[in-house]
N, C-alpha and C. Protein backbone atom coordinates (compact mmCIF):
# COMPACT_ATOMS: atom_id res chain seq x y z
N MET A 1 -35.65 30.10 -110.69
CA MET A 1 -35.37 30.90 -109.58
C MET A 1 -34.10 31.63 -109.60
N SER A 2 -34.38 33.08 -109.40
CA SER A 2 -33.42 33.99 -109.65
C SER A 2 -32.83 34.56 -108.32
N PHE A 3 -31.42 34.68 -108.12
CA PHE A 3 -30.75 35.08 -106.80
C PHE A 3 -29.74 36.36 -107.33
N SER A 4 -29.65 36.87 -106.26
CA SER A 4 -28.76 38.22 -106.56
C SER A 4 -28.15 38.49 -105.17
N PHE A 5 -27.17 39.35 -105.08
CA PHE A 5 -26.49 39.86 -103.86
C PHE A 5 -27.62 40.85 -103.51
N PRO A 6 -27.69 41.19 -102.08
CA PRO A 6 -26.88 40.90 -101.06
C PRO A 6 -26.56 39.45 -100.39
N TYR A 7 -25.46 38.79 -100.32
CA TYR A 7 -25.22 37.68 -99.44
C TYR A 7 -24.31 38.19 -98.29
N GLN A 8 -24.14 37.38 -97.30
CA GLN A 8 -23.40 37.98 -96.29
C GLN A 8 -22.27 36.72 -95.82
N LEU A 9 -22.48 35.62 -95.85
CA LEU A 9 -21.46 34.61 -95.49
C LEU A 9 -21.67 33.58 -96.36
N TYR A 10 -20.74 33.42 -97.16
CA TYR A 10 -20.31 32.57 -98.34
C TYR A 10 -19.50 31.26 -98.40
N LEU A 11 -19.89 30.32 -98.28
CA LEU A 11 -19.05 28.96 -98.15
C LEU A 11 -18.52 28.18 -99.60
N VAL A 12 -17.19 28.16 -99.37
CA VAL A 12 -16.41 27.78 -100.51
C VAL A 12 -16.04 26.30 -100.00
N ILE A 13 -16.56 25.33 -100.69
CA ILE A 13 -16.41 23.80 -100.31
C ILE A 13 -15.76 22.93 -101.45
N SER A 14 -14.99 22.03 -100.68
CA SER A 14 -14.43 20.87 -101.85
C SER A 14 -14.53 19.84 -100.86
N GLU A 15 -14.28 18.61 -101.49
CA GLU A 15 -14.52 17.31 -100.89
C GLU A 15 -13.24 17.14 -99.97
N ALA A 16 -12.12 17.71 -100.40
CA ALA A 16 -10.83 17.54 -99.74
C ALA A 16 -10.80 18.28 -98.54
N ASP A 17 -11.40 19.52 -98.80
CA ASP A 17 -11.79 20.61 -97.43
C ASP A 17 -12.41 20.31 -96.37
N CYS A 18 -13.22 19.08 -96.71
CA CYS A 18 -14.01 18.51 -95.69
C CYS A 18 -13.23 17.51 -94.66
N GLY A 19 -12.14 17.17 -95.12
CA GLY A 19 -11.38 16.14 -94.42
C GLY A 19 -11.71 14.80 -94.08
N GLY A 20 -12.62 14.51 -95.02
CA GLY A 20 -13.44 13.01 -94.77
C GLY A 20 -14.81 12.99 -94.22
N LYS A 21 -15.21 14.47 -93.77
CA LYS A 21 -16.73 14.56 -93.61
C LYS A 21 -17.34 14.71 -94.92
N ASN A 22 -18.87 14.10 -94.72
CA ASN A 22 -19.66 14.07 -95.98
C ASN A 22 -19.89 15.54 -96.31
N LEU A 23 -19.48 15.73 -97.96
CA LEU A 23 -19.70 17.27 -98.30
C LEU A 23 -20.66 17.75 -98.26
N SER A 24 -22.02 17.13 -98.42
CA SER A 24 -23.53 17.37 -98.40
C SER A 24 -23.87 17.73 -96.72
N GLU A 25 -23.36 16.94 -96.20
CA GLU A 25 -23.80 16.99 -94.72
C GLU A 25 -23.08 18.35 -94.08
N VAL A 26 -21.91 18.79 -94.34
CA VAL A 26 -21.18 19.76 -94.08
C VAL A 26 -21.90 21.00 -94.72
N ALA A 27 -22.34 21.17 -95.83
CA ALA A 27 -23.02 22.28 -96.59
C ALA A 27 -24.18 22.52 -95.68
N GLU A 28 -24.78 21.36 -95.52
CA GLU A 28 -26.28 21.53 -94.97
C GLU A 28 -26.20 22.15 -93.47
N GLN A 29 -25.20 21.61 -92.59
CA GLN A 29 -24.92 22.37 -91.32
C GLN A 29 -24.43 23.59 -91.50
N ALA A 30 -23.74 23.86 -92.45
CA ALA A 30 -23.19 25.44 -92.66
C ALA A 30 -24.51 26.27 -92.81
N ILE A 31 -25.44 25.61 -93.62
CA ILE A 31 -26.74 26.63 -94.12
C ILE A 31 -27.61 26.87 -92.94
N LEU A 32 -27.50 25.87 -92.20
CA LEU A 32 -28.52 25.80 -91.01
C LEU A 32 -27.68 26.85 -89.99
N GLY A 33 -26.46 27.22 -89.94
CA GLY A 33 -25.94 27.83 -89.17
C GLY A 33 -25.65 29.33 -89.44
N GLY A 34 -26.04 29.56 -90.86
CA GLY A 34 -26.28 31.08 -91.38
C GLY A 34 -25.39 31.33 -92.55
N VAL A 35 -25.06 29.95 -93.40
CA VAL A 35 -24.42 30.59 -94.68
C VAL A 35 -25.32 30.96 -95.76
N ASP A 36 -25.36 31.80 -96.49
CA ASP A 36 -26.19 32.38 -97.47
C ASP A 36 -25.92 31.94 -98.79
N ILE A 37 -24.75 31.48 -99.34
CA ILE A 37 -24.56 31.16 -100.57
C ILE A 37 -23.34 30.26 -100.53
N VAL A 38 -23.37 29.17 -101.43
CA VAL A 38 -22.35 28.18 -101.60
C VAL A 38 -21.54 27.79 -102.89
N GLN A 39 -20.24 27.91 -102.79
CA GLN A 39 -19.57 27.77 -103.98
C GLN A 39 -19.03 26.11 -103.77
N LEU A 40 -19.31 25.12 -104.76
CA LEU A 40 -18.43 24.27 -104.93
C LEU A 40 -17.40 24.16 -106.02
N ARG A 41 -15.92 24.28 -105.06
CA ARG A 41 -14.59 24.52 -105.73
C ARG A 41 -14.01 22.98 -105.97
N GLU A 42 -13.94 22.43 -107.15
CA GLU A 42 -13.05 21.05 -106.97
C GLU A 42 -12.09 21.29 -108.11
N LYS A 43 -10.69 21.61 -107.66
CA LYS A 43 -9.54 21.90 -108.83
C LYS A 43 -9.00 20.66 -109.36
N ASN A 44 -9.17 19.50 -108.81
CA ASN A 44 -8.40 18.49 -109.15
C ASN A 44 -9.19 17.17 -109.46
N CYS A 45 -10.38 17.23 -109.70
CA CYS A 45 -11.11 15.93 -110.21
C CYS A 45 -11.68 16.20 -111.35
N SER A 46 -12.08 15.07 -112.09
CA SER A 46 -12.50 14.80 -113.16
C SER A 46 -13.98 15.77 -113.42
N THR A 47 -14.73 15.89 -114.51
CA THR A 47 -15.83 16.74 -114.75
C THR A 47 -16.82 15.64 -114.11
N ALA A 48 -16.77 14.63 -114.78
CA ALA A 48 -17.75 13.46 -114.24
C ALA A 48 -17.96 13.45 -112.70
N SER A 49 -16.62 13.53 -112.06
CA SER A 49 -16.50 13.68 -110.55
C SER A 49 -17.13 14.94 -110.06
N PHE A 50 -16.76 16.05 -110.69
CA PHE A 50 -17.35 17.25 -110.36
C PHE A 50 -18.85 17.47 -110.11
N LEU A 51 -19.46 16.76 -111.29
CA LEU A 51 -20.61 16.88 -111.81
C LEU A 51 -21.53 15.93 -110.98
N GLU A 52 -21.10 15.06 -110.35
CA GLU A 52 -21.77 14.21 -109.51
C GLU A 52 -21.61 14.96 -108.06
N LYS A 53 -20.69 15.55 -107.81
CA LYS A 53 -20.72 16.26 -106.29
C LYS A 53 -21.65 17.52 -106.49
N ALA A 54 -21.62 17.98 -107.46
CA ALA A 54 -22.40 19.18 -107.68
C ALA A 54 -23.83 18.83 -107.83
N ARG A 55 -24.55 17.60 -108.24
CA ARG A 55 -25.72 16.94 -108.39
C ARG A 55 -26.14 16.68 -106.61
N GLN A 56 -25.11 16.22 -105.82
CA GLN A 56 -25.47 15.90 -104.55
C GLN A 56 -25.80 17.22 -103.79
N LEU A 57 -24.77 18.38 -103.93
CA LEU A 57 -24.93 19.72 -103.73
C LEU A 57 -26.04 20.63 -103.72
N ILE A 58 -26.40 20.27 -104.65
CA ILE A 58 -27.46 21.18 -105.38
C ILE A 58 -28.77 20.85 -104.60
N GLU A 59 -29.07 19.38 -104.38
CA GLU A 59 -30.12 19.06 -103.81
C GLU A 59 -30.29 19.56 -102.34
N ILE A 60 -29.45 19.92 -101.68
CA ILE A 60 -29.15 20.42 -100.19
C ILE A 60 -29.48 22.16 -100.60
N THR A 61 -28.84 22.64 -101.59
CA THR A 61 -28.98 24.06 -101.65
C THR A 61 -30.40 24.64 -102.27
N GLU A 62 -31.01 23.53 -102.95
CA GLU A 62 -32.23 23.99 -103.43
C GLU A 62 -33.17 23.67 -102.22
N LYS A 63 -32.90 22.92 -101.35
CA LYS A 63 -34.01 22.45 -100.27
C LYS A 63 -34.03 23.76 -99.50
N TYR A 64 -33.19 24.62 -99.15
CA TYR A 64 -32.98 25.60 -98.64
C TYR A 64 -32.95 27.11 -99.17
N ASN A 65 -33.14 26.69 -100.53
CA ASN A 65 -33.52 28.27 -101.06
C ASN A 65 -32.11 28.82 -101.31
N ILE A 66 -30.98 28.16 -101.48
CA ILE A 66 -29.75 28.92 -101.29
C ILE A 66 -29.20 28.71 -102.49
N PRO A 67 -28.34 29.64 -103.37
CA PRO A 67 -27.70 29.66 -104.56
C PRO A 67 -26.19 28.93 -104.58
N LEU A 68 -26.40 28.06 -105.46
CA LEU A 68 -24.79 27.29 -105.81
C LEU A 68 -24.31 27.96 -106.74
N ILE A 69 -22.82 28.19 -106.44
CA ILE A 69 -22.11 28.68 -107.54
C ILE A 69 -21.10 27.46 -107.77
N ILE A 70 -20.44 27.46 -109.04
CA ILE A 70 -19.67 26.39 -109.65
C ILE A 70 -18.28 27.14 -109.84
N ASN A 71 -17.40 26.54 -109.11
CA ASN A 71 -16.20 27.00 -109.64
C ASN A 71 -15.45 26.89 -111.18
N ASP A 72 -15.34 27.60 -111.89
CA ASP A 72 -14.65 27.57 -113.40
C ASP A 72 -15.01 26.33 -114.00
N ASN A 73 -16.47 25.90 -113.92
CA ASN A 73 -16.66 24.55 -114.87
C ASN A 73 -18.06 25.13 -115.65
N ILE A 74 -17.69 25.23 -116.85
CA ILE A 74 -18.97 26.18 -117.26
C ILE A 74 -20.00 24.66 -117.79
N GLU A 75 -19.45 23.65 -118.08
CA GLU A 75 -20.29 22.36 -118.14
C GLU A 75 -21.33 21.97 -117.04
N VAL A 76 -20.50 21.85 -115.73
CA VAL A 76 -20.98 21.46 -114.68
C VAL A 76 -22.01 22.46 -114.34
N ALA A 77 -21.73 23.95 -114.30
CA ALA A 77 -22.65 25.03 -114.04
C ALA A 77 -23.97 24.82 -114.92
N GLU A 78 -23.73 24.40 -116.03
CA GLU A 78 -24.95 24.39 -116.94
C GLU A 78 -25.72 22.96 -116.64
N ARG A 79 -25.09 22.00 -116.53
CA ARG A 79 -25.83 20.88 -116.61
C ARG A 79 -26.42 20.55 -115.27
N VAL A 80 -26.08 21.42 -114.13
CA VAL A 80 -27.02 21.21 -112.76
C VAL A 80 -27.87 22.39 -112.66
N ASN A 81 -27.79 23.25 -113.53
CA ASN A 81 -28.46 24.65 -113.65
C ASN A 81 -28.12 25.44 -112.65
N ALA A 82 -26.81 25.63 -111.98
CA ALA A 82 -26.37 26.63 -110.87
C ALA A 82 -27.02 27.75 -110.95
N ALA A 83 -26.82 28.38 -109.60
CA ALA A 83 -27.33 29.93 -109.74
C ALA A 83 -25.99 30.78 -110.38
N GLY A 84 -24.99 30.18 -110.53
CA GLY A 84 -23.84 31.04 -111.06
C GLY A 84 -22.41 30.24 -111.34
N ILE A 85 -21.65 31.14 -111.76
CA ILE A 85 -20.46 30.52 -111.74
C ILE A 85 -19.27 31.56 -111.25
N HIS A 86 -18.01 31.04 -110.93
CA HIS A 86 -17.00 32.00 -110.30
C HIS A 86 -15.87 31.64 -111.13
N VAL A 87 -15.15 32.56 -111.48
CA VAL A 87 -14.03 32.59 -112.09
C VAL A 87 -12.64 33.64 -111.57
N GLY A 88 -11.60 33.01 -111.95
CA GLY A 88 -10.42 34.00 -111.44
C GLY A 88 -9.53 34.36 -112.70
N ASN A 89 -8.33 34.98 -112.46
CA ASN A 89 -7.77 36.02 -113.55
C ASN A 89 -7.53 34.99 -115.02
N ASN A 90 -7.28 33.73 -114.48
CA ASN A 90 -6.65 32.81 -115.55
C ASN A 90 -7.75 31.63 -116.03
N ASP A 91 -9.06 32.03 -115.56
CA ASP A 91 -10.16 30.84 -115.92
C ASP A 91 -11.01 31.78 -117.09
N SER A 92 -12.24 31.08 -117.38
CA SER A 92 -12.89 31.73 -118.72
C SER A 92 -13.45 33.06 -118.11
N ALA A 93 -13.21 33.93 -119.08
CA ALA A 93 -13.55 35.47 -119.04
C ALA A 93 -14.95 35.44 -118.72
N PRO A 94 -15.32 36.52 -117.61
CA PRO A 94 -16.84 37.07 -117.63
C PRO A 94 -17.51 37.42 -118.78
N VAL A 95 -16.56 38.12 -119.66
CA VAL A 95 -17.39 38.25 -120.77
C VAL A 95 -17.75 37.34 -121.87
N TYR A 96 -17.00 36.49 -121.75
CA TYR A 96 -17.19 35.29 -122.65
C TYR A 96 -18.31 34.32 -121.89
N LEU A 97 -18.41 34.11 -120.54
CA LEU A 97 -19.52 33.53 -119.98
C LEU A 97 -20.89 34.27 -119.99
N ARG A 98 -20.87 35.78 -120.30
CA ARG A 98 -22.15 36.32 -120.55
C ARG A 98 -22.64 35.98 -121.81
N GLN A 99 -21.96 35.29 -122.66
CA GLN A 99 -22.18 35.30 -124.39
C GLN A 99 -23.12 34.03 -124.10
N GLN A 100 -22.89 33.11 -123.07
CA GLN A 100 -23.23 31.76 -123.29
C GLN A 100 -24.91 31.81 -122.90
N PRO A 101 -25.78 31.30 -123.65
CA PRO A 101 -26.90 31.25 -123.55
C PRO A 101 -27.58 30.75 -122.20
N LEU A 102 -26.97 29.70 -121.53
CA LEU A 102 -27.43 29.20 -120.30
C LEU A 102 -26.73 29.80 -119.18
N LEU A 103 -25.65 30.71 -119.29
CA LEU A 103 -25.21 31.57 -118.29
C LEU A 103 -25.31 32.98 -118.11
N LYS A 104 -26.34 33.53 -119.40
CA LYS A 104 -26.15 34.93 -119.38
C LYS A 104 -26.88 35.70 -118.26
N ASN A 105 -27.80 34.99 -118.00
CA ASN A 105 -28.47 35.56 -116.69
C ASN A 105 -28.26 35.05 -115.28
N LYS A 106 -27.17 34.30 -115.06
CA LYS A 106 -26.55 33.72 -113.96
C LYS A 106 -25.68 34.55 -113.12
N ILE A 107 -25.70 34.48 -111.89
CA ILE A 107 -24.42 35.18 -111.18
C ILE A 107 -23.11 34.86 -111.70
N ILE A 108 -22.46 35.80 -112.04
CA ILE A 108 -20.80 35.69 -112.45
C ILE A 108 -19.99 36.29 -111.35
N GLY A 109 -19.28 35.50 -110.81
CA GLY A 109 -18.28 36.24 -109.72
C GLY A 109 -16.83 35.94 -110.54
N TYR A 110 -16.06 37.27 -109.93
CA TYR A 110 -14.66 37.16 -110.85
C TYR A 110 -13.75 37.69 -109.70
N SER A 111 -12.70 37.00 -109.52
CA SER A 111 -11.45 37.38 -108.59
C SER A 111 -10.72 38.55 -109.26
N VAL A 112 -10.36 39.19 -108.04
CA VAL A 112 -9.84 40.31 -108.25
C VAL A 112 -7.99 40.22 -107.72
N GLU A 113 -7.31 40.09 -108.35
CA GLU A 113 -5.73 39.71 -107.65
C GLU A 113 -4.88 41.18 -108.06
N TYR A 114 -5.47 42.16 -109.16
CA TYR A 114 -4.59 43.22 -109.06
C TYR A 114 -5.67 44.42 -109.26
N LEU A 115 -5.27 45.64 -108.96
CA LEU A 115 -6.19 46.80 -108.91
C LEU A 115 -6.70 47.17 -110.64
N SER A 116 -5.58 47.10 -111.39
CA SER A 116 -5.92 47.24 -112.62
C SER A 116 -7.34 46.60 -113.32
N GLN A 117 -7.61 45.41 -112.67
CA GLN A 117 -8.63 44.45 -113.02
C GLN A 117 -10.13 45.48 -112.84
N LEU A 118 -9.96 46.31 -111.89
CA LEU A 118 -11.30 47.04 -111.71
C LEU A 118 -11.73 47.91 -112.88
N GLU A 119 -10.52 48.10 -113.62
CA GLU A 119 -10.94 49.06 -114.97
C GLU A 119 -11.24 48.01 -116.39
N ASN A 120 -11.37 46.75 -115.97
CA ASN A 120 -11.29 46.15 -117.30
C ASN A 120 -12.99 45.72 -117.37
N GLU A 121 -13.35 45.29 -118.64
CA GLU A 121 -14.73 45.09 -119.25
C GLU A 121 -15.02 43.55 -118.50
N GLN A 122 -14.22 42.89 -117.83
CA GLN A 122 -14.40 41.60 -117.24
C GLN A 122 -15.14 42.23 -115.84
N THR A 123 -14.61 42.93 -115.33
CA THR A 123 -15.40 43.34 -113.84
C THR A 123 -16.53 44.11 -113.99
N SER A 124 -16.62 44.94 -115.26
CA SER A 124 -17.93 45.71 -115.46
C SER A 124 -19.25 44.41 -115.76
N VAL A 125 -19.10 43.58 -116.31
CA VAL A 125 -20.05 42.38 -116.43
C VAL A 125 -20.27 41.30 -115.37
N SER A 126 -19.36 41.32 -114.45
CA SER A 126 -19.55 40.65 -113.36
C SER A 126 -20.34 41.08 -112.12
N ASP A 127 -20.91 40.08 -111.34
CA ASP A 127 -22.32 40.53 -110.27
C ASP A 127 -21.42 40.80 -109.04
N TYR A 128 -20.40 40.01 -108.66
CA TYR A 128 -19.47 40.48 -107.55
C TYR A 128 -18.17 40.23 -108.03
N LEU A 129 -17.23 40.91 -106.91
CA LEU A 129 -15.74 40.85 -107.10
C LEU A 129 -15.29 39.82 -105.79
N GLY A 130 -14.52 38.85 -106.24
CA GLY A 130 -13.92 38.09 -105.16
C GLY A 130 -12.78 38.82 -104.70
N ILE A 131 -12.46 39.16 -103.73
CA ILE A 131 -11.21 39.67 -103.24
C ILE A 131 -10.32 38.55 -102.17
N SER A 132 -9.25 38.47 -103.18
CA SER A 132 -8.56 37.25 -103.08
C SER A 132 -7.00 37.23 -103.22
N PRO A 133 -6.45 37.01 -101.86
CA PRO A 133 -6.68 36.56 -100.73
C PRO A 133 -6.70 37.88 -99.90
N VAL A 134 -7.30 38.03 -98.86
CA VAL A 134 -7.37 39.06 -98.04
C VAL A 134 -5.98 38.96 -97.03
N PHE A 135 -6.00 37.66 -96.53
CA PHE A 135 -4.80 37.21 -95.79
C PHE A 135 -4.14 36.09 -96.42
N LYS A 136 -2.77 35.88 -96.33
CA LYS A 136 -2.61 34.48 -97.07
C LYS A 136 -2.87 33.50 -96.38
N THR A 137 -3.07 32.33 -97.11
CA THR A 137 -3.58 30.91 -96.59
C THR A 137 -2.93 29.88 -97.34
N SER A 138 -2.90 28.86 -96.43
CA SER A 138 -2.33 27.49 -96.91
C SER A 138 -3.47 26.75 -97.98
N THR A 139 -4.52 26.94 -98.29
CA THR A 139 -5.65 26.55 -99.15
C THR A 139 -5.14 26.95 -100.71
N LYS A 140 -4.66 28.16 -100.70
CA LYS A 140 -4.21 28.61 -101.87
C LYS A 140 -3.09 29.56 -101.88
N THR A 141 -1.96 28.74 -102.81
CA THR A 141 -0.55 29.24 -102.76
C THR A 141 -0.22 29.85 -103.76
N ASP A 142 -0.97 29.90 -104.70
CA ASP A 142 -0.53 30.68 -105.91
C ASP A 142 -0.91 32.23 -106.30
N THR A 143 -1.27 32.55 -105.01
CA THR A 143 -1.88 33.83 -105.01
C THR A 143 -0.66 35.21 -105.47
N VAL A 144 -1.30 36.17 -106.01
CA VAL A 144 -0.43 37.44 -106.34
C VAL A 144 -0.21 38.60 -105.21
N THR A 145 -1.43 38.78 -104.53
CA THR A 145 -1.30 40.01 -104.07
C THR A 145 -2.14 39.65 -102.49
N GLU A 146 -1.37 40.11 -101.45
CA GLU A 146 -2.34 39.83 -100.18
C GLU A 146 -3.02 41.07 -99.77
N TRP A 147 -4.08 41.09 -100.06
CA TRP A 147 -4.84 42.43 -99.94
C TRP A 147 -4.76 43.09 -98.53
N GLY A 148 -5.03 42.53 -97.67
CA GLY A 148 -5.18 43.21 -96.17
C GLY A 148 -6.35 43.78 -96.08
N LEU A 149 -6.53 44.51 -94.80
CA LEU A 149 -7.55 45.62 -94.68
C LEU A 149 -7.60 46.93 -95.58
N GLU A 150 -6.22 47.23 -95.63
CA GLU A 150 -6.34 48.21 -96.54
C GLU A 150 -6.70 47.94 -98.01
N GLY A 151 -6.37 47.00 -98.40
CA GLY A 151 -6.41 46.46 -99.85
C GLY A 151 -8.12 46.50 -100.18
N ILE A 152 -8.82 46.03 -99.26
CA ILE A 152 -10.49 46.25 -99.34
C ILE A 152 -10.74 47.44 -99.25
N ALA A 153 -10.29 48.50 -98.34
CA ALA A 153 -10.64 49.54 -98.38
C ALA A 153 -10.48 50.33 -99.58
N LYS A 154 -9.30 50.13 -100.32
CA LYS A 154 -8.85 50.64 -101.55
C LYS A 154 -9.89 50.21 -102.45
N ILE A 155 -10.28 48.88 -102.76
CA ILE A 155 -11.19 48.38 -103.72
C ILE A 155 -12.64 49.05 -103.75
N ARG A 156 -13.12 49.42 -102.29
CA ARG A 156 -14.25 49.66 -101.88
C ARG A 156 -14.33 51.05 -102.65
N ALA A 157 -13.32 51.93 -102.47
CA ALA A 157 -13.62 53.08 -102.97
C ALA A 157 -13.70 53.28 -104.41
N LEU A 158 -13.26 52.40 -105.08
CA LEU A 158 -13.12 52.31 -106.72
C LEU A 158 -14.09 51.61 -107.22
N THR A 159 -14.89 50.78 -106.46
CA THR A 159 -16.29 50.27 -107.24
C THR A 159 -17.38 50.24 -106.15
N ASP A 160 -18.49 50.06 -107.14
CA ASP A 160 -19.74 49.63 -106.12
C ASP A 160 -20.36 48.18 -106.06
N LYS A 161 -19.59 47.36 -106.74
CA LYS A 161 -19.94 46.23 -106.98
C LYS A 161 -19.95 45.43 -105.89
N PRO A 162 -20.57 44.48 -105.25
CA PRO A 162 -20.38 43.73 -104.12
C PRO A 162 -18.95 42.93 -103.92
N LEU A 163 -18.62 43.21 -102.75
CA LEU A 163 -17.07 42.37 -102.62
C LEU A 163 -17.29 41.50 -101.74
N VAL A 164 -17.08 40.34 -102.06
CA VAL A 164 -16.62 38.79 -101.13
C VAL A 164 -15.18 39.22 -100.89
N ALA A 165 -14.96 38.94 -99.77
CA ALA A 165 -13.50 38.87 -99.21
C ALA A 165 -13.34 37.41 -98.80
N ILE A 166 -12.12 36.95 -99.26
CA ILE A 166 -11.72 35.36 -98.79
C ILE A 166 -10.31 35.44 -98.79
N GLY A 167 -10.13 34.22 -97.94
CA GLY A 167 -8.28 34.18 -97.54
C GLY A 167 -8.18 34.24 -95.97
N ASN A 168 -8.10 33.20 -95.35
CA ASN A 168 -7.66 33.06 -93.95
C ASN A 168 -8.49 34.01 -93.05
N ILE A 169 -10.01 34.02 -93.46
CA ILE A 169 -10.88 34.91 -92.74
C ILE A 169 -11.44 33.78 -91.45
N HIS A 170 -11.87 34.32 -90.30
CA HIS A 170 -12.03 33.38 -89.58
C HIS A 170 -12.81 34.36 -88.40
N HIS A 171 -13.46 33.70 -87.42
CA HIS A 171 -14.18 34.42 -86.38
C HIS A 171 -13.69 35.77 -85.74
N GLY A 172 -12.41 35.69 -85.49
CA GLY A 172 -11.77 36.41 -84.81
C GLY A 172 -11.22 37.81 -85.75
N ASN A 173 -11.32 37.68 -87.16
CA ASN A 173 -11.22 38.90 -88.01
C ASN A 173 -12.23 39.24 -89.04
N ALA A 174 -13.51 38.65 -88.82
CA ALA A 174 -14.52 38.77 -89.93
C ALA A 174 -15.12 40.21 -89.69
N GLY A 175 -15.27 40.61 -88.40
CA GLY A 175 -15.84 42.01 -88.41
C GLY A 175 -14.92 43.00 -88.85
N GLU A 176 -13.68 42.87 -88.60
CA GLU A 176 -12.52 43.85 -89.12
C GLU A 176 -12.70 43.76 -90.80
N VAL A 177 -13.18 42.66 -91.37
CA VAL A 177 -13.18 42.55 -92.70
C VAL A 177 -14.29 43.20 -93.31
N ILE A 178 -15.46 43.26 -92.70
CA ILE A 178 -16.62 43.79 -93.11
C ILE A 178 -16.61 45.32 -92.93
N LYS A 179 -15.66 45.78 -91.85
CA LYS A 179 -15.82 47.22 -91.46
C LYS A 179 -14.94 47.73 -92.33
N ALA A 180 -13.92 47.00 -92.98
CA ALA A 180 -13.12 47.69 -93.91
C ALA A 180 -13.84 47.98 -95.45
N GLY A 181 -14.92 47.40 -95.57
CA GLY A 181 -15.49 47.35 -96.85
C GLY A 181 -15.96 46.34 -97.50
N ALA A 182 -15.88 45.31 -96.97
CA ALA A 182 -16.40 43.80 -97.54
C ALA A 182 -17.90 43.82 -97.36
N ASP A 183 -18.79 43.17 -98.45
CA ASP A 183 -20.03 43.14 -98.21
C ASP A 183 -20.41 41.57 -97.70
N CYS A 184 -19.48 40.74 -97.99
CA CYS A 184 -19.65 39.47 -97.88
C CYS A 184 -18.43 38.68 -97.47
N ILE A 185 -18.35 37.72 -96.53
CA ILE A 185 -17.11 36.87 -96.18
C ILE A 185 -17.55 35.48 -96.75
N ALA A 186 -16.26 35.13 -97.20
CA ALA A 186 -16.09 33.79 -97.90
C ALA A 186 -15.09 33.11 -97.05
N VAL A 187 -15.48 31.66 -96.85
CA VAL A 187 -14.44 31.01 -95.91
C VAL A 187 -14.61 29.70 -96.46
N VAL A 188 -13.29 29.05 -96.22
CA VAL A 188 -12.99 27.44 -96.68
C VAL A 188 -12.88 26.54 -95.28
N SER A 189 -11.92 26.86 -94.81
CA SER A 189 -11.41 26.05 -93.60
C SER A 189 -12.08 26.56 -92.43
N ALA A 190 -12.49 27.51 -92.33
CA ALA A 190 -13.08 28.08 -90.90
C ALA A 190 -14.49 27.32 -90.70
N ILE A 191 -15.13 26.87 -91.79
CA ILE A 191 -16.09 26.03 -91.86
C ILE A 191 -16.10 24.42 -92.07
N CYS A 192 -15.40 24.29 -93.21
CA CYS A 192 -15.35 22.94 -93.54
C CYS A 192 -14.40 22.18 -92.65
N GLY A 193 -13.28 22.97 -92.24
CA GLY A 193 -12.43 22.02 -91.01
C GLY A 193 -12.97 21.97 -89.58
N ALA A 194 -14.21 22.85 -89.24
CA ALA A 194 -14.50 22.87 -87.91
C ALA A 194 -15.08 21.59 -87.48
N HIS A 195 -15.05 21.43 -86.24
CA HIS A 195 -15.51 20.29 -85.69
C HIS A 195 -17.04 20.17 -85.66
N ASP A 196 -17.75 21.33 -85.68
CA ASP A 196 -18.92 21.63 -85.75
C ASP A 196 -19.30 22.78 -86.84
N PRO A 197 -19.63 22.51 -87.97
CA PRO A 197 -19.76 23.58 -89.03
C PRO A 197 -20.83 24.45 -88.75
N GLN A 198 -21.89 23.96 -88.12
CA GLN A 198 -23.28 24.61 -88.01
C GLN A 198 -22.67 26.00 -87.01
N LYS A 199 -21.95 25.30 -85.89
CA LYS A 199 -21.72 26.46 -84.95
C LYS A 199 -20.85 27.36 -85.48
N ALA A 200 -19.69 27.16 -86.23
CA ALA A 200 -18.66 27.90 -86.79
C ALA A 200 -19.34 29.03 -87.84
N ALA A 201 -20.39 28.61 -88.61
CA ALA A 201 -21.31 29.37 -89.47
C ALA A 201 -21.95 30.40 -88.63
N TYR A 202 -22.52 30.03 -87.52
CA TYR A 202 -23.45 30.58 -86.71
C TYR A 202 -22.44 31.95 -85.95
N GLU A 203 -21.36 31.39 -85.62
CA GLU A 203 -20.47 32.27 -84.98
C GLU A 203 -19.82 33.38 -85.75
N LEU A 204 -19.54 32.82 -86.97
CA LEU A 204 -19.11 34.06 -88.13
C LEU A 204 -20.42 35.08 -88.51
N LYS A 205 -21.52 34.21 -88.72
CA LYS A 205 -22.55 35.42 -89.10
C LYS A 205 -22.75 36.31 -88.09
N ASN A 206 -22.65 35.97 -86.97
CA ASN A 206 -22.93 36.95 -85.56
C ASN A 206 -21.81 37.97 -85.94
N GLU A 207 -20.58 37.61 -86.26
CA GLU A 207 -19.52 38.79 -86.10
C GLU A 207 -19.98 39.64 -87.21
N ILE A 208 -20.31 38.94 -88.45
CA ILE A 208 -20.94 39.99 -89.66
C ILE A 208 -22.00 40.96 -89.08
N LEU A 209 -23.12 40.06 -88.53
CA LEU A 209 -23.91 41.13 -88.22
C LEU A 209 -24.05 42.22 -87.28
N LYS A 210 -22.81 42.06 -86.46
CA LYS A 210 -22.31 43.16 -85.43
C LYS A 210 -22.22 44.26 -86.22
């Protein structure tokens, strides 16, 4: 099954972000609400635990024909046959990932923290760019640039790659982020932390579609 952009609503999920709710149930509700693509991001667990969560999650994403992206773990991405992998500036390089036999035809996402990254070969081999963060957020404290709406517009003018905006995006500002030039909105807490993930996803999708 091959997947490719455009996607519009991107859920980034981890067990911790679900605040005690079941990971697979939150993902399923989010998909029913309108999420098009899901990334499992587990920064502080063992590969065995990450793999176990990925196996549970891919059952849900396959049921709805939704791509599952694995955050920066080549072994997990390969073993569950995920749709792709997402990496940041300090992770495995996209050029290296493209050389791996099991990943070369998969979706590769790459987070952009500096404008200079737009000129490197990592960007050229990636399928989409994560613009991270658009607005400062408590879920990610080690960020370099807060892009803002002007930053999205600037990047949009410099590349044709699909842009996935992440960082403190919610129902109230999602429309502005799309207008600024993002193709896709990625959220963590706006869905994972919501009392009703399906409703939260539905409302976000409606903002994007406006």
